[in-house]
Amino acid sequence: GGKAPHYPYLLHPETTAAEAGDEPVLIYQRCG
């Protein structure tokens, strides 16, 4: 569901679901 600007893509606090997909963003936000 995401389209990152490049791969592999390391999530950061401003990463959106449009970039990385909703589940990876949720996991990142919840577990840090």
Full PDB file with SEQRES, HELIX, SHEET, SSBOND, CRYST1, ORIGX, SCALE, CONECT and MASTER records, all heavy atoms in Angstrom:
SEQRES   1 A   32  GLY GLY LYS ALA PRO HIS TYR PRO TYR LEU LEU HIS PRO          
SEQRES   2 A   32  GLU THR THR ALA ALA GLU ALA GLY ASP GLU PRO VAL LEU          
SEQRES   3 A   32  ILE TYR GLN ARG CYS GLY                                      
HELIX    1 AA1 ALA A   17  ALA A   20  1                                   4    
HELIX    2 AA2 ASP A   22  CYS A   31  1                                  10    
CRYST1    1.000    1.000    1.000  90.00  90.00  90.00 P 1           1          
ORIGX1      1.000000  0.000000  0.000000        0.00000                         
ORIGX2      0.000000  1.000000  0.000000        0.00000                         
ORIGX3      0.000000  0.000000  1.000000        0.00000                         
SCALE1      1.000000  0.000000  0.000000        0.00000                         
SCALE2      0.000000  1.000000  0.000000        0.00000                         
SCALE3      0.000000  0.000000  1.000000        0.00000                         
ATOM      1  N   GLY A   1       0.799  -1.216   0.000  1.00  0.00           N  
ATOM      2  CA  GLY A   1       0.000   0.000   0.000  1.00  0.00           C  
ATOM      3  C   GLY A   1       0.833   1.268   0.000  1.00  0.00           C  
ATOM      4  O   GLY A   1       0.284   2.356  -0.139  1.00  0.00           O  
ATOM      5  N   GLY A   2       2.134   1.135   0.159  1.00  0.00           N  
ATOM      6  CA  GLY A   2       2.991   2.316   0.186  1.00  0.00           C  
ATOM      7  C   GLY A   2       3.873   2.403  -1.047  1.00  0.00           C  
ATOM      8  O   GLY A   2       4.127   1.405  -1.717  1.00  0.00           O  
ATOM      9  N   LYS A   3       4.335   3.590  -1.339  1.00  0.00           N  
ATOM     10  CA  LYS A   3       5.262   3.831  -2.444  1.00  0.00           C  
ATOM     11  C   LYS A   3       6.378   4.719  -1.897  1.00  0.00           C  
ATOM     12  O   LYS A   3       6.278   5.952  -1.902  1.00  0.00           O  
ATOM     13  CB  LYS A   3       4.529   4.499  -3.608  1.00  0.00           C  
ATOM     14  CG  LYS A   3       5.401   4.788  -4.802  1.00  0.00           C  
ATOM     15  CD  LYS A   3       5.804   3.515  -5.506  1.00  0.00           C  
ATOM     16  CE  LYS A   3       6.568   3.880  -6.778  1.00  0.00           C  
ATOM     17  NZ  LYS A   3       7.681   3.021  -7.033  1.00  0.00           N  
ATOM     18  N   ALA A   4       7.430   4.084  -1.401  1.00  0.00           N  
ATOM     19  CA  ALA A   4       8.545   4.813  -0.806  1.00  0.00           C  
ATOM     20  C   ALA A   4       9.357   5.520  -1.882  1.00  0.00           C  
ATOM     21  O   ALA A   4       9.378   5.096  -3.043  1.00  0.00           O  
ATOM     22  CB  ALA A   4       9.434   3.842  -0.031  1.00  0.00           C  
ATOM     23  N   PRO A   5      10.066   6.582  -1.505  1.00  0.00           N  
ATOM     24  CA  PRO A   5      10.898   7.284  -2.475  1.00  0.00           C  
ATOM     25  C   PRO A   5      12.080   6.450  -2.960  1.00  0.00           C  
ATOM     26  O   PRO A   5      12.629   6.706  -4.027  1.00  0.00           O  
ATOM     27  CB  PRO A   5      11.373   8.530  -1.726  1.00  0.00           C  
ATOM     28  CG  PRO A   5      11.091   8.279  -0.292  1.00  0.00           C  
ATOM     29  CD  PRO A   5      10.037   7.230  -0.202  1.00  0.00           C  
ATOM     30  N   HIS A   6      12.459   5.440  -2.172  1.00  0.00           N  
ATOM     31  CA  HIS A   6      13.543   4.528  -2.541  1.00  0.00           C  
ATOM     32  C   HIS A   6      13.431   3.284  -1.657  1.00  0.00           C  
ATOM     33  O   HIS A   6      12.734   3.287  -0.650  1.00  0.00           O  
ATOM     34  CB  HIS A   6      14.922   5.184  -2.353  1.00  0.00           C  
ATOM     35  CG  HIS A   6      15.145   5.655  -0.949  1.00  0.00           C  
ATOM     36  ND1 HIS A   6      15.580   4.827   0.066  1.00  0.00           N  
ATOM     37  CD2 HIS A   6      14.953   6.873  -0.386  1.00  0.00           C  
ATOM     38  CE1 HIS A   6      15.660   5.512   1.186  1.00  0.00           C  
ATOM     39  NE2 HIS A   6      15.276   6.752   0.954  1.00  0.00           N  
ATOM     40  N   TYR A   7      14.100   2.231  -2.069  1.00  0.00           N  
ATOM     41  CA  TYR A   7      14.120   0.988  -1.290  1.00  0.00           C  
ATOM     42  C   TYR A   7      15.548   0.516  -1.127  1.00  0.00           C  
ATOM     43  O   TYR A   7      16.349   0.705  -2.038  1.00  0.00           O  
ATOM     44  CB  TYR A   7      13.302  -0.104  -1.984  1.00  0.00           C  
ATOM     45  CG  TYR A   7      11.821   0.199  -2.024  1.00  0.00           C  
ATOM     46  CD1 TYR A   7      11.215   0.581  -3.210  1.00  0.00           C  
ATOM     47  CD2 TYR A   7      11.043   0.105  -0.880  1.00  0.00           C  
ATOM     48  CE1 TYR A   7       9.860   0.862  -3.261  1.00  0.00           C  
ATOM     49  CE2 TYR A   7       9.685   0.394  -0.925  1.00  0.00           C  
ATOM     50  CZ  TYR A   7       9.106   0.764  -2.110  1.00  0.00           C  
ATOM     51  OH  TYR A   7       7.773   1.049  -2.147  1.00  0.00           O  
ATOM     52  N   PRO A   8      15.893  -0.057  -0.009  1.00  0.00           N  
ATOM     53  CA  PRO A   8      15.065  -0.208   1.182  1.00  0.00           C  
ATOM     54  C   PRO A   8      14.810   1.152   1.828  1.00  0.00           C  
ATOM     55  O   PRO A   8      15.612   2.076   1.684  1.00  0.00           O  
ATOM     56  CB  PRO A   8      15.894  -1.103   2.084  1.00  0.00           C  
ATOM     57  CG  PRO A   8      17.299  -0.893   1.661  1.00  0.00           C  
ATOM     58  CD  PRO A   8      17.256  -0.577   0.199  1.00  0.00           C  
ATOM     59  N   TYR A   9      13.713   1.229   2.540  1.00  0.00           N  
ATOM     60  CA  TYR A   9      13.286   2.491   3.143  1.00  0.00           C  
ATOM     61  C   TYR A   9      13.170   2.311   4.650  1.00  0.00           C  
ATOM     62  O   TYR A   9      12.406   1.469   5.124  1.00  0.00           O  
ATOM     63  CB  TYR A   9      11.944   2.919   2.551  1.00  0.00           C  
ATOM     64  CG  TYR A   9      11.488   4.284   2.993  1.00  0.00           C  
ATOM     65  CD1 TYR A   9      12.150   5.429   2.566  1.00  0.00           C  
ATOM     66  CD2 TYR A   9      10.402   4.421   3.833  1.00  0.00           C  
ATOM     67  CE1 TYR A   9      11.730   6.689   2.955  1.00  0.00           C  
ATOM     68  CE2 TYR A   9       9.969   5.678   4.230  1.00  0.00           C  
ATOM     69  CZ  TYR A   9      10.640   6.811   3.792  1.00  0.00           C  
ATOM     70  OH  TYR A   9      10.225   8.050   4.187  1.00  0.00           O  
ATOM     71  N   LEU A  10      13.945   3.100   5.371  1.00  0.00           N  
ATOM     72  CA  LEU A  10      13.927   3.070   6.836  1.00  0.00           C  
ATOM     73  C   LEU A  10      12.917   4.093   7.330  1.00  0.00           C  
ATOM     74  O   LEU A  10      13.023   5.284   7.006  1.00  0.00           O  
ATOM     75  CB  LEU A  10      15.325   3.382   7.381  1.00  0.00           C  
ATOM     76  CG  LEU A  10      15.513   3.303   8.886  1.00  0.00           C  
ATOM     77  CD1 LEU A  10      15.275   1.873   9.386  1.00  0.00           C  
ATOM     78  CD2 LEU A  10      16.936   3.743   9.242  1.00  0.00           C  
ATOM     79  N   LEU A  11      11.934   3.639   8.083  1.00  0.00           N  
ATOM     80  CA  LEU A  11      10.904   4.549   8.570  1.00  0.00           C  
ATOM     81  C   LEU A  11      11.486   5.534   9.576  1.00  0.00           C  
ATOM     82  O   LEU A  11      12.435   5.218  10.297  1.00  0.00           O  
ATOM     83  CB  LEU A  11       9.751   3.773   9.210  1.00  0.00           C  
ATOM     84  CG  LEU A  11       8.700   3.236   8.235  1.00  0.00           C  
ATOM     85  CD1 LEU A  11       9.254   2.150   7.344  1.00  0.00           C  
ATOM     86  CD2 LEU A  11       7.491   2.729   8.995  1.00  0.00           C  
ATOM     87  N   HIS A  12      10.899   6.733   9.612  1.00  0.00           N  
ATOM     88  CA  HIS A  12      11.284   7.793  10.540  1.00  0.00           C  
ATOM     89  C   HIS A  12       9.993   8.427  11.056  1.00  0.00           C  
ATOM     90  O   HIS A  12       8.896   8.109  10.567  1.00  0.00           O  
ATOM     91  CB  HIS A  12      12.211   8.807   9.861  1.00  0.00           C  
ATOM     92  CG  HIS A  12      11.647   9.369   8.590  1.00  0.00           C  
ATOM     93  ND1 HIS A  12      10.760  10.420   8.562  1.00  0.00           N  
ATOM     94  CD2 HIS A  12      11.840   9.000   7.297  1.00  0.00           C  
ATOM     95  CE1 HIS A  12      10.431  10.692   7.317  1.00  0.00           C  
ATOM     96  NE2 HIS A  12      11.063   9.835   6.522  1.00  0.00           N  
ATOM     97  N   PRO A  13      10.073   9.308  12.046  1.00  0.00           N  
ATOM     98  CA  PRO A  13       8.837   9.837  12.654  1.00  0.00           C  
ATOM     99  C   PRO A  13       7.850  10.490  11.682  1.00  0.00           C  
ATOM    100  O   PRO A  13       6.653  10.483  11.932  1.00  0.00           O  
ATOM    101  CB  PRO A  13       9.364  10.860  13.674  1.00  0.00           C  
ATOM    102  CG  PRO A  13      10.704  10.339  14.048  1.00  0.00           C  
ATOM    103  CD  PRO A  13      11.263   9.737  12.778  1.00  0.00           C  
ATOM    104  N   GLU A  14       8.331  11.026  10.571  1.00  0.00           N  
ATOM    105  CA  GLU A  14       7.425  11.692   9.624  1.00  0.00           C  
ATOM    106  C   GLU A  14       6.943  10.774   8.504  1.00  0.00           C  
ATOM    107  O   GLU A  14       6.213  11.216   7.610  1.00  0.00           O  
ATOM    108  CB  GLU A  14       8.113  12.920   9.000  1.00  0.00           C  
ATOM    109  CG  GLU A  14       8.367  14.045   9.993  1.00  0.00           C  
ATOM    110  CD  GLU A  14       9.598  13.790  10.854  1.00  0.00           C  
ATOM    111  OE1 GLU A  14      10.566  13.181  10.352  1.00  0.00           O  
ATOM    112  OE2 GLU A  14       9.573  14.165  12.033  1.00  0.00           O  
ATOM    113  N   THR A  15       7.324   9.498   8.514  1.00  0.00           N  
ATOM    114  CA  THR A  15       6.917   8.573   7.454  1.00  0.00           C  
ATOM    115  C   THR A  15       5.396   8.435   7.435  1.00  0.00           C  
ATOM    116  O   THR A  15       4.761   8.279   8.474  1.00  0.00           O  
ATOM    117  CB  THR A  15       7.559   7.188   7.652  1.00  0.00           C  
ATOM    118  OG1 THR A  15       8.972   7.329   7.623  1.00  0.00           O  
ATOM    119  CG2 THR A  15       7.131   6.225   6.561  1.00  0.00           C  
ATOM    120  N   THR A  16       4.835   8.459   6.224  1.00  0.00           N  
ATOM    121  CA  THR A  16       3.389   8.322   6.063  1.00  0.00           C  
ATOM    122  C   THR A  16       3.036   6.928   5.557  1.00  0.00           C  
ATOM    123  O   THR A  16       3.893   6.220   5.001  1.00  0.00           O  
ATOM    124  CB  THR A  16       2.849   9.357   5.060  1.00  0.00           C  
ATOM    125  OG1 THR A  16       3.382   9.058   3.763  1.00  0.00           O  
ATOM    126  CG2 THR A  16       3.207  10.777   5.472  1.00  0.00           C  
ATOM    127  N   ALA A  17       1.775   6.570   5.706  1.00  0.00           N  
ATOM    128  CA  ALA A  17       1.289   5.292   5.187  1.00  0.00           C  
ATOM    129  C   ALA A  17       1.395   5.256   3.662  1.00  0.00           C  
ATOM    130  O   ALA A  17       1.597   4.194   3.074  1.00  0.00           O  
ATOM    131  CB  ALA A  17      -0.152   5.048   5.626  1.00  0.00           C  
ATOM    132  N   ALA A  18       1.299   6.416   3.015  1.00  0.00           N  
ATOM    133  CA  ALA A  18       1.443   6.476   1.558  1.00  0.00           C  
ATOM    134  C   ALA A  18       2.856   6.092   1.133  1.00  0.00           C  
ATOM    135  O   ALA A  18       3.065   5.577   0.041  1.00  0.00           O  
ATOM    136  CB  ALA A  18       1.100   7.872   1.053  1.00  0.00           C  
ATOM    137  N   GLU A  19       3.835   6.304   1.999  1.00  0.00           N  
ATOM    138  CA  GLU A  19       5.220   5.968   1.690  1.00  0.00           C  
ATOM    139  C   GLU A  19       5.561   4.517   2.031  1.00  0.00           C  
ATOM    140  O   GLU A  19       6.269   3.858   1.281  1.00  0.00           O  
ATOM    141  CB  GLU A  19       6.181   6.874   2.464  1.00  0.00           C  
ATOM    142  CG  GLU A  19       6.147   8.318   2.048  1.00  0.00           C  
ATOM    143  CD  GLU A  19       6.971   9.191   2.964  1.00  0.00           C  
ATOM    144  OE1 GLU A  19       6.836   9.063   4.199  1.00  0.00           O  
ATOM    145  OE2 GLU A  19       7.755   9.998   2.437  1.00  0.00           O  
ATOM    146  N   ALA A  20       5.095   4.051   3.187  1.00  0.00           N  
ATOM    147  CA  ALA A  20       5.554   2.757   3.688  1.00  0.00           C  
ATOM    148  C   ALA A  20       4.452   1.738   3.918  1.00  0.00           C  
ATOM    149  O   ALA A  20       4.743   0.594   4.257  1.00  0.00           O  
ATOM    150  CB  ALA A  20       6.326   2.960   4.997  1.00  0.00           C  
ATOM    151  N   GLY A  21       3.200   2.120   3.756  1.00  0.00           N  
ATOM    152  CA  GLY A  21       2.096   1.223   4.062  1.00  0.00           C  
ATOM    153  C   GLY A  21       1.618   1.459   5.487  1.00  0.00           C  
ATOM    154  O   GLY A  21       2.393   1.880   6.353  1.00  0.00           O  
ATOM    155  N   ASP A  22       0.351   1.183   5.732  1.00  0.00           N  
ATOM    156  CA  ASP A  22      -0.213   1.511   7.045  1.00  0.00           C  
ATOM    157  C   ASP A  22       0.312   0.635   8.178  1.00  0.00           C  
ATOM    158  O   ASP A  22       0.565   1.128   9.280  1.00  0.00           O  
ATOM    159  CB  ASP A  22      -1.738   1.514   7.006  1.00  0.00           C  
ATOM    160  CG  ASP A  22      -2.352   0.212   6.547  1.00  0.00           C  
ATOM    161  OD1 ASP A  22      -1.617  -0.673   6.070  1.00  0.00           O  
ATOM    162  OD2 ASP A  22      -3.580   0.071   6.648  1.00  0.00           O  
ATOM    163  N   GLU A  23       0.484  -0.661   7.942  1.00  0.00           N  
ATOM    164  CA  GLU A  23       0.930  -1.534   9.028  1.00  0.00           C  
ATOM    165  C   GLU A  23       2.363  -1.252   9.471  1.00  0.00           C  
ATOM    166  O   GLU A  23       2.623  -1.176  10.677  1.00  0.00           O  
ATOM    167  CB  GLU A  23       0.726  -2.998   8.660  1.00  0.00           C  
ATOM    168  CG  GLU A  23      -0.740  -3.378   8.643  1.00  0.00           C  
ATOM    169  CD  GLU A  23      -0.989  -4.828   8.288  1.00  0.00           C  
ATOM    170  OE1 GLU A  23      -0.014  -5.577   8.052  1.00  0.00           O  
ATOM    171  OE2 GLU A  23      -2.167  -5.213   8.243  1.00  0.00           O  
ATOM    172  N   PRO A  24       3.328  -1.070   8.559  1.00  0.00           N  
ATOM    173  CA  PRO A  24       4.673  -0.709   9.018  1.00  0.00           C  
ATOM    174  C   PRO A  24       4.704   0.606   9.802  1.00  0.00           C  
ATOM    175  O   PRO A  24       5.417   0.720  10.809  1.00  0.00           O  
ATOM    176  CB  PRO A  24       5.482  -0.604   7.725  1.00  0.00           C  
ATOM    177  CG  PRO A  24       4.780  -1.512   6.777  1.00  0.00           C  
ATOM    178  CD  PRO A  24       3.324  -1.358   7.116  1.00  0.00           C  
ATOM    179  N   VAL A  25       3.912   1.592   9.370  1.00  0.00           N  
ATOM    180  CA  VAL A  25       3.864   2.864  10.095  1.00  0.00           C  
ATOM    181  C   VAL A  25       3.279   2.647  11.484  1.00  0.00           C  
ATOM    182  O   VAL A  25       3.798   3.168  12.478  1.00  0.00           O  
ATOM    183  CB  VAL A  25       3.070   3.932   9.297  1.00  0.00           C  
ATOM    184  CG1 VAL A  25       2.802   5.165  10.146  1.00  0.00           C  
ATOM    185  CG2 VAL A  25       3.817   4.297   8.028  1.00  0.00           C  
ATOM    186  N   LEU A  26       2.212   1.865  11.580  1.00  0.00           N  
ATOM    187  CA  LEU A  26       1.617   1.556  12.880  1.00  0.00           C  
ATOM    188  C   LEU A  26       2.631   0.864  13.789  1.00  0.00           C  
ATOM    189  O   LEU A  26       2.779   1.225  14.957  1.00  0.00           O  
ATOM    190  CB  LEU A  26       0.380   0.668  12.710  1.00  0.00           C  
ATOM    191  CG  LEU A  26      -0.208   0.105  14.001  1.00  0.00           C  
ATOM    192  CD1 LEU A  26      -0.897   1.191  14.796  1.00  0.00           C  
ATOM    193  CD2 LEU A  26      -1.144  -1.043  13.707  1.00  0.00           C  
ATOM    194  N   ILE A  27       3.338  -0.129  13.247  1.00  0.00           N  
ATOM    195  CA  ILE A  27       4.336  -0.855  14.041  1.00  0.00           C  
ATOM    196  C   ILE A  27       5.427   0.104  14.521  1.00  0.00           C  
ATOM    197  O   ILE A  27       5.806   0.086  15.692  1.00  0.00           O  
ATOM    198  CB  ILE A  27       4.927  -2.030  13.232  1.00  0.00           C  
ATOM    199  CG1 ILE A  27       3.860  -3.104  13.020  1.00  0.00           C  
ATOM    200  CG2 ILE A  27       6.156  -2.612  13.921  1.00  0.00           C  
ATOM    201  CD1 ILE A  27       4.217  -4.148  11.974  1.00  0.00           C  
ATOM    202  N   TYR A  28       5.914   0.957  13.622  1.00  0.00           N  
ATOM    203  CA  TYR A  28       6.955   1.914  14.000  1.00  0.00           C  
ATOM    204  C   TYR A  28       6.471   2.849  15.101  1.00  0.00           C  
ATOM    205  O   TYR A  28       7.170   3.102  16.080  1.00  0.00           O  
ATOM    206  CB  TYR A  28       7.396   2.715  12.768  1.00  0.00           C  
ATOM    207  CG  TYR A  28       8.432   3.765  13.094  1.00  0.00           C  
ATOM    208  CD1 TYR A  28       9.765   3.402  13.285  1.00  0.00           C  
ATOM    209  CD2 TYR A  28       8.088   5.100  13.233  1.00  0.00           C  
ATOM    210  CE1 TYR A  28      10.718   4.350  13.601  1.00  0.00           C  
ATOM    211  CE2 TYR A  28       9.033   6.060  13.540  1.00  0.00           C  
ATOM    212  CZ  TYR A  28      10.354   5.676  13.726  1.00  0.00           C  
ATOM    213  OH  TYR A  28      11.298   6.622  14.045  1.00  0.00           O  
ATOM    214  N   GLN A  29       5.270   3.391  14.946  1.00  0.00           N  
ATOM    215  CA  GLN A  29       4.733   4.329  15.934  1.00  0.00           C  
ATOM    216  C   GLN A  29       4.470   3.663  17.278  1.00  0.00           C  
ATOM    217  O   GLN A  29       4.689   4.264  18.329  1.00  0.00           O  
ATOM    218  CB  GLN A  29       3.454   4.982  15.406  1.00  0.00           C  
ATOM    219  CG  GLN A  29       3.702   5.924  14.266  1.00  0.00           C  
ATOM    220  CD  GLN A  29       2.424   6.451  13.639  1.00  0.00           C  
ATOM    221  OE1 GLN A  29       1.328   5.930  13.873  1.00  0.00           O  
ATOM    222  NE2 GLN A  29       2.553   7.488  12.815  1.00  0.00           N  
ATOM    223  N   ARG A  30       4.003   2.425  17.254  1.00  0.00           N  
ATOM    224  CA  ARG A  30       3.653   1.731  18.499  1.00  0.00           C  
ATOM    225  C   ARG A  30       4.864   1.215  19.258  1.00  0.00           C  
ATOM    226  O   ARG A  30       4.892   1.252  20.478  1.00  0.00           O  
ATOM    227  CB  ARG A  30       2.711   0.557  18.205  1.00  0.00           C  
ATOM    228  CG  ARG A  30       1.315   0.955  17.809  1.00  0.00           C  
ATOM    229  CD  ARG A  30       0.421   1.314  18.969  1.00  0.00           C  
ATOM    230  NE  ARG A  30       0.315   0.310  19.980  1.00  0.00           N  
ATOM    231  CZ  ARG A  30      -0.524  -0.719  19.992  1.00  0.00           C  
ATOM    232  NH1 ARG A  30      -1.361  -0.867  18.984  1.00  0.00           N  
ATOM    233  NH2 ARG A  30      -0.534  -1.558  20.973  1.00  0.00           N  
ATOM    234  N   CYS A  31       5.871   0.686  18.533  1.00  0.00           N  
ATOM    235  CA  CYS A  31       6.978   0.035  19.246  1.00  0.00           C  
ATOM    236  C   CYS A  31       8.255   0.863  19.256  1.00  0.00           C  
ATOM    237  O   CYS A  31       9.113   0.649  20.104  1.00  0.00           O  
ATOM    238  CB  CYS A  31       7.249  -1.352  18.683  1.00  0.00           C  
ATOM    239  SG  CYS A  31       7.953  -1.353  17.033  1.00  0.00           S  
ATOM    240  N   GLY A  32       8.388   1.790  18.316  1.00  0.00           N  
ATOM    241  CA  GLY A  32       9.568   2.641  18.306  1.00  0.00           C  
ATOM    242  C   GLY A  32      10.851   1.946  17.870  1.00  0.00           C  
ATOM    243  O   GLY A  32      11.917   2.551  17.886  1.00  0.00           O  
TER     244      GLY A  32                                                      
MASTER        0    0    0    2    0    0    0    6  243    1    0    3          
END                                                                             
